[in-house]
Amino acid sequence: MENPPEVSVLFVCMGNICRSPTAEGVFRKQLDQAGMAHRVRIDSAGTHAYHLSEPPDIRAQRAASARGIDISMLRARKFEGRDFENFDYILAMDQQNLDILMESCPKVFKCKVNLLLSYAPHLNCRDVPDPYYGGNYSFERVLDLIEDGCSALLNVLKEKEF
């Protein structure tokens, strides 16, 4: 019988159709490449229920696919209160969504909630900008930031968790 994952990570943006599913796909690929996929449970969610059960934005899918990442099977879901208990790391894509999470987060779980890019201070950027109203370049920029943030997160997990 296979051991259950040792760590769980939830990526959160507003609608769960651009940034957080991209982060889920990027991190899944990085974990696969590191031979650690079986050790980490990954999911994504949105703070708003704008796109429930919809696949990621087609532009996000195309940008991810161009980098060998398939996110087409993911479906948007809304963040639920029980996620605070069910995940070890809850990583918002920007300050606005972090604030929304922190408003409803029980004090005991606040230490689990942070910004993804807090793991990559070398970027001198705290927020992964929402590419929804931008052009294709916006999705490429988001991927660059997420790849760096997830890589830094993976390094922290290797040191801290494994």
N, C-alpha and C. Protein backbone atom coordinates (compact mmCIF):
# COMPACT_ATOMS: atom_id res chain seq x y z
N MET A 1 0.83 -1.17 0.00
CA MET A 1 0.00 0.00 0.00
C MET A 1 0.89 1.25 0.00
N GLU A 2 0.56 2.22 -0.87
CA GLU A 2 1.36 3.43 -1.00
C GLU A 2 1.07 4.38 0.16
N ASN A 3 2.11 5.05 0.64
CA ASN A 3 1.94 6.01 1.72
C ASN A 3 1.21 7.25 1.21
N PRO A 4 0.36 7.85 2.05
CA PRO A 4 -0.32 9.08 1.64
C PRO A 4 0.68 10.24 1.56
N PRO A 5 0.34 11.28 0.80
CA PRO A 5 1.24 12.44 0.73
C PRO A 5 1.52 13.00 2.12
N GLU A 6 2.73 13.51 2.29
CA GLU A 6 3.16 14.03 3.58
C GLU A 6 2.82 15.51 3.78
N VAL A 7 2.65 16.22 2.68
CA VAL A 7 2.41 17.66 2.71
C VAL A 7 1.32 17.99 1.70
N SER A 8 0.53 19.02 2.02
CA SER A 8 -0.51 19.45 1.08
C SER A 8 -0.39 20.95 0.83
N VAL A 9 -0.60 21.33 -0.44
CA VAL A 9 -0.46 22.72 -0.86
C VAL A 9 -1.69 23.11 -1.66
N LEU A 10 -2.27 24.26 -1.31
CA LEU A 10 -3.42 24.80 -2.02
C LEU A 10 -3.05 26.17 -2.55
N PHE A 11 -3.20 26.36 -3.85
CA PHE A 11 -2.96 27.65 -4.50
C PHE A 11 -4.30 28.35 -4.68
N VAL A 12 -4.34 29.64 -4.38
CA VAL A 12 -5.61 30.37 -4.40
C VAL A 12 -5.48 31.69 -5.16
N CYS A 13 -6.42 31.91 -6.08
CA CYS A 13 -6.56 33.21 -6.74
C CYS A 13 -8.03 33.60 -6.65
N MET A 14 -8.48 34.49 -7.49
CA MET A 14 -9.86 34.97 -7.38
C MET A 14 -10.86 33.98 -7.96
N GLY A 15 -10.72 33.63 -9.23
CA GLY A 15 -11.73 32.80 -9.88
C GLY A 15 -11.32 31.36 -10.13
N ASN A 16 -10.06 31.04 -9.87
CA ASN A 16 -9.53 29.69 -10.06
C ASN A 16 -9.58 29.24 -11.52
N ILE A 17 -9.32 30.20 -12.43
CA ILE A 17 -9.25 29.83 -13.84
C ILE A 17 -7.97 30.30 -14.53
N CYS A 18 -7.16 31.10 -13.86
CA CYS A 18 -5.91 31.57 -14.48
C CYS A 18 -4.70 31.23 -13.62
N ARG A 19 -4.50 32.00 -12.57
CA ARG A 19 -3.26 31.89 -11.79
C ARG A 19 -3.17 30.63 -10.94
N SER A 20 -4.19 30.34 -10.14
CA SER A 20 -4.04 29.19 -9.24
C SER A 20 -4.02 27.85 -9.97
N PRO A 21 -4.81 27.63 -11.03
CA PRO A 21 -4.63 26.35 -11.74
C PRO A 21 -3.28 26.28 -12.46
N THR A 22 -2.77 27.44 -12.90
CA THR A 22 -1.44 27.46 -13.50
C THR A 22 -0.41 27.05 -12.46
N ALA A 23 -0.53 27.60 -11.25
CA ALA A 23 0.40 27.23 -10.18
C ALA A 23 0.29 25.75 -9.84
N GLU A 24 -0.93 25.24 -9.82
CA GLU A 24 -1.12 23.81 -9.55
C GLU A 24 -0.39 22.97 -10.60
N GLY A 25 -0.56 23.33 -11.87
CA GLY A 25 0.09 22.59 -12.94
C GLY A 25 1.60 22.71 -12.92
N VAL A 26 2.09 23.92 -12.70
CA VAL A 26 3.54 24.15 -12.63
C VAL A 26 4.15 23.35 -11.48
N PHE A 27 3.53 23.44 -10.31
CA PHE A 27 4.10 22.76 -9.15
C PHE A 27 4.04 21.25 -9.32
N ARG A 28 2.97 20.76 -9.91
CA ARG A 28 2.86 19.31 -10.17
C ARG A 28 4.01 18.86 -11.08
N LYS A 29 4.29 19.63 -12.12
CA LYS A 29 5.38 19.28 -13.03
C LYS A 29 6.73 19.31 -12.31
N GLN A 30 6.95 20.34 -11.49
CA GLN A 30 8.21 20.44 -10.76
C GLN A 30 8.38 19.28 -9.78
N LEU A 31 7.30 18.91 -9.11
CA LEU A 31 7.36 17.76 -8.20
C LEU A 31 7.64 16.46 -8.95
N ASP A 32 7.00 16.29 -10.12
CA ASP A 32 7.26 15.11 -10.95
C ASP A 32 8.74 15.04 -11.32
N GLN A 33 9.27 16.16 -11.77
CA GLN A 33 10.67 16.19 -12.19
C GLN A 33 11.63 15.91 -11.03
N ALA A 34 11.21 16.28 -9.82
CA ALA A 34 12.04 16.05 -8.63
C ALA A 34 11.80 14.67 -8.02
N GLY A 35 10.87 13.89 -8.62
CA GLY A 35 10.54 12.57 -8.08
C GLY A 35 9.81 12.64 -6.76
N MET A 36 9.08 13.71 -6.53
CA MET A 36 8.43 13.93 -5.24
C MET A 36 6.90 14.05 -5.35
N ALA A 37 6.34 13.77 -6.50
CA ALA A 37 4.90 13.96 -6.70
C ALA A 37 4.06 13.17 -5.70
N HIS A 38 4.52 12.00 -5.34
CA HIS A 38 3.77 11.15 -4.42
C HIS A 38 3.79 11.67 -2.98
N ARG A 39 4.63 12.66 -2.70
CA ARG A 39 4.78 13.17 -1.34
C ARG A 39 3.99 14.44 -1.07
N VAL A 40 3.41 15.03 -2.11
CA VAL A 40 2.71 16.31 -1.95
C VAL A 40 1.35 16.25 -2.64
N ARG A 41 0.32 16.62 -1.90
CA ARG A 41 -1.03 16.75 -2.47
C ARG A 41 -1.20 18.21 -2.86
N ILE A 42 -1.67 18.44 -4.08
CA ILE A 42 -1.80 19.79 -4.62
C ILE A 42 -3.24 20.01 -5.08
N ASP A 43 -3.72 21.22 -4.87
CA ASP A 43 -5.03 21.61 -5.37
C ASP A 43 -5.01 23.11 -5.59
N SER A 44 -6.09 23.63 -6.16
CA SER A 44 -6.23 25.07 -6.33
C SER A 44 -7.69 25.43 -6.12
N ALA A 45 -7.92 26.70 -5.81
CA ALA A 45 -9.27 27.18 -5.54
C ALA A 45 -9.32 28.68 -5.77
N GLY A 46 -10.53 29.21 -5.81
CA GLY A 46 -10.73 30.65 -5.95
C GLY A 46 -11.47 31.20 -4.74
N THR A 47 -11.22 32.46 -4.44
CA THR A 47 -11.93 33.09 -3.34
C THR A 47 -13.36 33.46 -3.73
N HIS A 48 -13.64 33.47 -5.02
CA HIS A 48 -14.97 33.80 -5.53
C HIS A 48 -15.49 32.63 -6.38
N ALA A 49 -16.79 32.54 -6.47
CA ALA A 49 -17.42 31.43 -7.20
C ALA A 49 -17.84 31.84 -8.61
N TYR A 50 -17.04 32.66 -9.25
CA TYR A 50 -17.39 33.16 -10.59
C TYR A 50 -17.42 32.08 -11.66
N HIS A 51 -16.59 31.07 -11.55
CA HIS A 51 -16.40 30.11 -12.65
C HIS A 51 -16.49 28.66 -12.20
N LEU A 52 -17.35 28.37 -11.25
CA LEU A 52 -17.44 27.02 -10.69
C LEU A 52 -17.50 25.94 -11.77
N SER A 53 -16.68 24.94 -11.62
CA SER A 53 -16.61 23.75 -12.49
C SER A 53 -16.14 24.04 -13.90
N GLU A 54 -15.70 25.25 -14.19
CA GLU A 54 -15.19 25.57 -15.52
C GLU A 54 -13.71 25.19 -15.60
N PRO A 55 -13.24 24.86 -16.81
CA PRO A 55 -11.80 24.60 -16.99
C PRO A 55 -11.04 25.92 -16.92
N PRO A 56 -9.72 25.84 -16.80
CA PRO A 56 -8.93 27.07 -16.82
C PRO A 56 -9.14 27.85 -18.11
N ASP A 57 -8.95 29.15 -18.03
CA ASP A 57 -9.02 30.04 -19.18
C ASP A 57 -8.18 29.45 -20.31
N ILE A 58 -8.69 29.48 -21.52
CA ILE A 58 -7.99 28.87 -22.66
C ILE A 58 -6.62 29.49 -22.88
N ARG A 59 -6.48 30.78 -22.57
CA ARG A 59 -5.17 31.42 -22.72
C ARG A 59 -4.18 30.87 -21.70
N ALA A 60 -4.65 30.60 -20.49
CA ALA A 60 -3.78 29.99 -19.47
C ALA A 60 -3.39 28.57 -19.90
N GLN A 61 -4.35 27.84 -20.45
CA GLN A 61 -4.07 26.48 -20.93
C GLN A 61 -3.02 26.50 -22.03
N ARG A 62 -3.16 27.42 -22.97
CA ARG A 62 -2.21 27.48 -24.10
C ARG A 62 -0.81 27.85 -23.62
N ALA A 63 -0.72 28.85 -22.74
CA ALA A 63 0.58 29.28 -22.24
C ALA A 63 1.24 28.13 -21.46
N ALA A 64 0.48 27.46 -20.63
CA ALA A 64 1.03 26.33 -19.86
C ALA A 64 1.44 25.20 -20.79
N SER A 65 0.60 24.89 -21.76
CA SER A 65 0.88 23.80 -22.70
C SER A 65 2.18 24.05 -23.47
N ALA A 66 2.43 25.31 -23.81
CA ALA A 66 3.66 25.65 -24.53
C ALA A 66 4.90 25.33 -23.69
N ARG A 67 4.72 25.20 -22.37
CA ARG A 67 5.83 24.86 -21.47
C ARG A 67 5.72 23.42 -20.98
N GLY A 68 4.89 22.63 -21.65
CA GLY A 68 4.79 21.22 -21.31
C GLY A 68 3.94 20.92 -20.10
N ILE A 69 3.00 21.81 -19.80
CA ILE A 69 2.15 21.65 -18.62
C ILE A 69 0.69 21.57 -19.07
N ASP A 70 0.02 20.49 -18.74
CA ASP A 70 -1.38 20.31 -19.11
C ASP A 70 -2.27 20.61 -17.91
N ILE A 71 -3.05 21.69 -18.01
CA ILE A 71 -3.99 22.04 -16.94
C ILE A 71 -5.43 21.92 -17.41
N SER A 72 -5.64 21.34 -18.58
CA SER A 72 -6.97 21.29 -19.18
C SER A 72 -7.97 20.48 -18.38
N MET A 73 -7.50 19.54 -17.58
CA MET A 73 -8.41 18.68 -16.83
C MET A 73 -8.86 19.31 -15.51
N LEU A 74 -8.25 20.40 -15.11
CA LEU A 74 -8.61 21.04 -13.85
C LEU A 74 -9.96 21.75 -13.97
N ARG A 75 -10.67 21.87 -12.86
CA ARG A 75 -11.97 22.55 -12.84
C ARG A 75 -12.01 23.50 -11.65
N ALA A 76 -12.55 24.68 -11.88
CA ALA A 76 -12.59 25.72 -10.85
C ALA A 76 -13.50 25.31 -9.69
N ARG A 77 -13.02 25.65 -8.50
CA ARG A 77 -13.83 25.46 -7.30
C ARG A 77 -13.59 26.65 -6.38
N LYS A 78 -14.52 26.86 -5.48
CA LYS A 78 -14.41 27.95 -4.51
C LYS A 78 -13.71 27.44 -3.26
N PHE A 79 -12.88 28.28 -2.69
CA PHE A 79 -12.23 27.98 -1.42
C PHE A 79 -13.31 27.75 -0.37
N GLU A 80 -13.10 26.73 0.45
CA GLU A 80 -14.05 26.41 1.52
C GLU A 80 -13.35 26.52 2.86
N GLY A 81 -14.11 26.82 3.89
CA GLY A 81 -13.54 26.96 5.23
C GLY A 81 -12.75 25.75 5.68
N ARG A 82 -13.18 24.58 5.29
CA ARG A 82 -12.46 23.37 5.71
C ARG A 82 -11.07 23.25 5.07
N ASP A 83 -10.83 24.03 4.00
CA ASP A 83 -9.51 24.03 3.38
C ASP A 83 -8.43 24.50 4.36
N PHE A 84 -8.81 25.39 5.29
CA PHE A 84 -7.83 25.85 6.28
C PHE A 84 -7.28 24.67 7.08
N GLU A 85 -8.13 23.73 7.38
CA GLU A 85 -7.72 22.56 8.15
C GLU A 85 -7.06 21.50 7.28
N ASN A 86 -7.51 21.39 6.04
CA ASN A 86 -7.10 20.28 5.17
C ASN A 86 -5.79 20.50 4.43
N PHE A 87 -5.23 21.70 4.44
CA PHE A 87 -3.99 21.98 3.72
C PHE A 87 -2.93 22.54 4.65
N ASP A 88 -1.68 22.16 4.39
CA ASP A 88 -0.56 22.64 5.18
C ASP A 88 -0.07 24.01 4.72
N TYR A 89 -0.15 24.26 3.42
CA TYR A 89 0.27 25.52 2.82
C TYR A 89 -0.88 26.03 1.98
N ILE A 90 -1.34 27.24 2.27
CA ILE A 90 -2.40 27.88 1.49
C ILE A 90 -1.80 29.16 0.94
N LEU A 91 -1.58 29.17 -0.37
CA LEU A 91 -0.78 30.21 -0.98
C LEU A 91 -1.60 31.04 -1.96
N ALA A 92 -1.81 32.29 -1.58
CA ALA A 92 -2.56 33.22 -2.41
C ALA A 92 -1.65 33.80 -3.49
N MET A 93 -2.25 34.15 -4.60
CA MET A 93 -1.50 34.72 -5.70
C MET A 93 -1.25 36.21 -5.55
N ASP A 94 -2.07 36.89 -4.74
CA ASP A 94 -1.88 38.33 -4.56
C ASP A 94 -2.41 38.77 -3.20
N GLN A 95 -2.09 40.02 -2.86
CA GLN A 95 -2.46 40.56 -1.56
C GLN A 95 -3.98 40.61 -1.37
N GLN A 96 -4.72 40.95 -2.41
CA GLN A 96 -6.17 41.02 -2.29
C GLN A 96 -6.76 39.68 -1.87
N ASN A 97 -6.34 38.61 -2.50
CA ASN A 97 -6.85 37.28 -2.15
C ASN A 97 -6.30 36.81 -0.81
N LEU A 98 -5.08 37.19 -0.48
CA LEU A 98 -4.55 36.88 0.84
C LEU A 98 -5.40 37.54 1.92
N ASP A 99 -5.76 38.80 1.71
CA ASP A 99 -6.60 39.51 2.68
C ASP A 99 -7.95 38.83 2.85
N ILE A 100 -8.54 38.39 1.75
CA ILE A 100 -9.84 37.69 1.81
C ILE A 100 -9.69 36.40 2.63
N LEU A 101 -8.64 35.65 2.39
CA LEU A 101 -8.41 34.42 3.14
C LEU A 101 -8.20 34.71 4.63
N MET A 102 -7.38 35.71 4.92
CA MET A 102 -7.06 36.01 6.32
C MET A 102 -8.28 36.50 7.10
N GLU A 103 -9.20 37.17 6.43
CA GLU A 103 -10.42 37.65 7.10
C GLU A 103 -11.23 36.51 7.68
N SER A 104 -11.26 35.39 6.99
CA SER A 104 -12.09 34.27 7.45
C SER A 104 -11.29 33.14 8.10
N CYS A 105 -9.99 33.31 8.17
CA CYS A 105 -9.13 32.24 8.68
C CYS A 105 -9.14 32.20 10.21
N PRO A 106 -9.44 31.04 10.78
CA PRO A 106 -9.32 30.89 12.23
C PRO A 106 -7.87 31.14 12.66
N LYS A 107 -7.70 31.76 13.80
CA LYS A 107 -6.38 32.14 14.28
C LYS A 107 -5.39 30.97 14.26
N VAL A 108 -5.84 29.79 14.60
CA VAL A 108 -4.97 28.62 14.70
C VAL A 108 -4.35 28.23 13.34
N PHE A 109 -4.98 28.65 12.23
CA PHE A 109 -4.49 28.27 10.91
C PHE A 109 -3.79 29.41 10.16
N LYS A 110 -3.73 30.60 10.74
CA LYS A 110 -3.16 31.75 10.03
C LYS A 110 -1.72 31.52 9.58
N CYS A 111 -0.99 30.70 10.31
CA CYS A 111 0.41 30.43 9.96
C CYS A 111 0.54 29.63 8.65
N LYS A 112 -0.55 29.05 8.18
CA LYS A 112 -0.53 28.26 6.94
C LYS A 112 -0.72 29.13 5.69
N VAL A 113 -1.22 30.35 5.89
CA VAL A 113 -1.64 31.20 4.77
C VAL A 113 -0.57 32.23 4.46
N ASN A 114 -0.21 32.33 3.18
CA ASN A 114 0.84 33.25 2.76
C ASN A 114 0.69 33.54 1.27
N LEU A 115 1.54 34.38 0.77
CA LEU A 115 1.63 34.63 -0.67
C LEU A 115 2.61 33.65 -1.29
N LEU A 116 2.32 33.15 -2.47
CA LEU A 116 3.25 32.26 -3.16
C LEU A 116 4.61 32.93 -3.31
N LEU A 117 4.60 34.18 -3.72
CA LEU A 117 5.88 34.84 -4.00
C LEU A 117 6.64 35.25 -2.74
N SER A 118 6.08 35.00 -1.57
CA SER A 118 6.85 35.22 -0.35
C SER A 118 8.02 34.25 -0.28
N TYR A 119 7.93 33.17 -1.03
CA TYR A 119 9.02 32.18 -1.07
C TYR A 119 10.12 32.57 -2.06
N ALA A 120 9.86 33.63 -2.83
CA ALA A 120 10.84 34.05 -3.84
C ALA A 120 11.12 35.55 -3.71
N PRO A 121 11.69 35.96 -2.58
CA PRO A 121 11.93 37.40 -2.37
C PRO A 121 12.88 38.01 -3.40
N HIS A 122 13.69 37.17 -4.03
CA HIS A 122 14.62 37.67 -5.04
C HIS A 122 13.89 38.29 -6.24
N LEU A 123 12.61 38.00 -6.39
CA LEU A 123 11.84 38.56 -7.51
C LEU A 123 11.46 40.02 -7.28
N ASN A 124 11.57 40.49 -6.03
CA ASN A 124 11.17 41.85 -5.68
C ASN A 124 9.75 42.16 -6.12
N CYS A 125 8.89 41.16 -5.94
CA CYS A 125 7.50 41.26 -6.36
C CYS A 125 6.69 40.36 -5.43
N ARG A 126 5.61 40.87 -4.89
CA ARG A 126 4.82 40.07 -3.96
C ARG A 126 3.60 39.44 -4.63
N ASP A 127 3.08 40.08 -5.65
CA ASP A 127 1.85 39.62 -6.28
C ASP A 127 2.09 39.01 -7.65
N VAL A 128 1.37 37.92 -7.92
CA VAL A 128 1.27 37.39 -9.28
C VAL A 128 0.08 38.13 -9.88
N PRO A 129 0.30 39.00 -10.85
CA PRO A 129 -0.80 39.82 -11.38
C PRO A 129 -1.84 38.99 -12.12
N ASP A 130 -3.08 39.42 -12.04
CA ASP A 130 -4.16 38.72 -12.73
C ASP A 130 -4.06 38.99 -14.23
N PRO A 131 -3.85 37.95 -15.04
CA PRO A 131 -3.69 38.15 -16.49
C PRO A 131 -5.01 38.20 -17.25
N TYR A 132 -6.13 38.03 -16.57
CA TYR A 132 -7.42 37.83 -17.22
C TYR A 132 -7.74 38.91 -18.27
N TYR A 133 -7.47 40.17 -17.96
CA TYR A 133 -7.79 41.24 -18.90
C TYR A 133 -6.59 41.67 -19.74
N GLY A 134 -5.51 40.92 -19.66
CA GLY A 134 -4.31 41.25 -20.41
C GLY A 134 -4.18 40.39 -21.67
N GLY A 135 -3.13 40.63 -22.38
CA GLY A 135 -2.86 39.86 -23.59
C GLY A 135 -2.04 38.62 -23.29
N ASN A 136 -1.57 37.97 -24.34
CA ASN A 136 -0.79 36.74 -24.17
C ASN A 136 0.46 36.96 -23.33
N TYR A 137 1.08 38.14 -23.45
CA TYR A 137 2.27 38.42 -22.65
C TYR A 137 1.97 38.31 -21.16
N SER A 138 0.76 38.73 -20.76
CA SER A 138 0.39 38.66 -19.35
C SER A 138 0.45 37.23 -18.83
N PHE A 139 0.01 36.29 -19.63
CA PHE A 139 0.03 34.88 -19.22
C PHE A 139 1.45 34.34 -19.16
N GLU A 140 2.31 34.81 -20.04
CA GLU A 140 3.72 34.41 -20.00
C GLU A 140 4.39 34.96 -18.75
N ARG A 141 4.12 36.20 -18.42
CA ARG A 141 4.69 36.82 -17.21
C ARG A 141 4.22 36.07 -15.97
N VAL A 142 2.95 35.72 -15.92
CA VAL A 142 2.40 34.97 -14.80
C VAL A 142 3.12 33.62 -14.67
N LEU A 143 3.32 32.94 -15.78
CA LEU A 143 4.04 31.66 -15.75
C LEU A 143 5.46 31.83 -15.23
N ASP A 144 6.14 32.87 -15.68
CA ASP A 144 7.51 33.11 -15.20
C ASP A 144 7.53 33.28 -13.69
N LEU A 145 6.63 34.11 -13.16
CA LEU A 145 6.58 34.35 -11.72
C LEU A 145 6.21 33.08 -10.96
N ILE A 146 5.22 32.37 -11.45
CA ILE A 146 4.77 31.15 -10.78
C ILE A 146 5.86 30.08 -10.79
N GLU A 147 6.55 29.93 -11.92
CA GLU A 147 7.64 28.95 -11.97
C GLU A 147 8.71 29.26 -10.93
N ASP A 148 9.08 30.54 -10.82
CA ASP A 148 10.09 30.93 -9.82
C ASP A 148 9.56 30.71 -8.41
N GLY A 149 8.32 31.13 -8.16
CA GLY A 149 7.73 30.96 -6.83
C GLY A 149 7.62 29.50 -6.43
N CYS A 150 7.16 28.67 -7.35
CA CYS A 150 7.01 27.24 -7.07
C CYS A 150 8.36 26.56 -6.87
N SER A 151 9.35 26.96 -7.64
CA SER A 151 10.68 26.40 -7.48
C SER A 151 11.24 26.74 -6.09
N ALA A 152 11.04 27.97 -5.66
CA ALA A 152 11.50 28.37 -4.33
C ALA A 152 10.72 27.63 -3.25
N LEU A 153 9.42 27.45 -3.45
CA LEU A 153 8.60 26.69 -2.51
C LEU A 153 9.10 25.25 -2.42
N LEU A 154 9.40 24.65 -3.56
CA LEU A 154 9.90 23.28 -3.56
C LEU A 154 11.19 23.17 -2.75
N ASN A 155 12.07 24.14 -2.90
CA ASN A 155 13.31 24.13 -2.13
C ASN A 155 13.03 24.21 -0.63
N VAL A 156 12.07 25.03 -0.25
CA VAL A 156 11.71 25.15 1.17
C VAL A 156 11.13 23.81 1.67
N LEU A 157 10.27 23.20 0.88
CA LEU A 157 9.68 21.93 1.29
C LEU A 157 10.76 20.86 1.45
N LYS A 158 11.72 20.83 0.55
CA LYS A 158 12.81 19.85 0.64
C LYS A 158 13.58 20.03 1.94
N GLU A 159 13.82 21.27 2.34
CA GLU A 159 14.57 21.56 3.55
C GLU A 159 13.74 21.34 4.82
N LYS A 160 12.50 21.78 4.78
CA LYS A 160 11.67 21.82 5.97
C LYS A 160 10.86 20.55 6.21
N GLU A 161 10.35 19.95 5.15
CA GLU A 161 9.39 18.86 5.29
C GLU A 161 9.97 17.47 5.05
N PHE A 162 11.00 17.37 4.22
CA PHE A 162 11.45 16.03 3.82
C PHE A 162 12.84 15.73 4.32
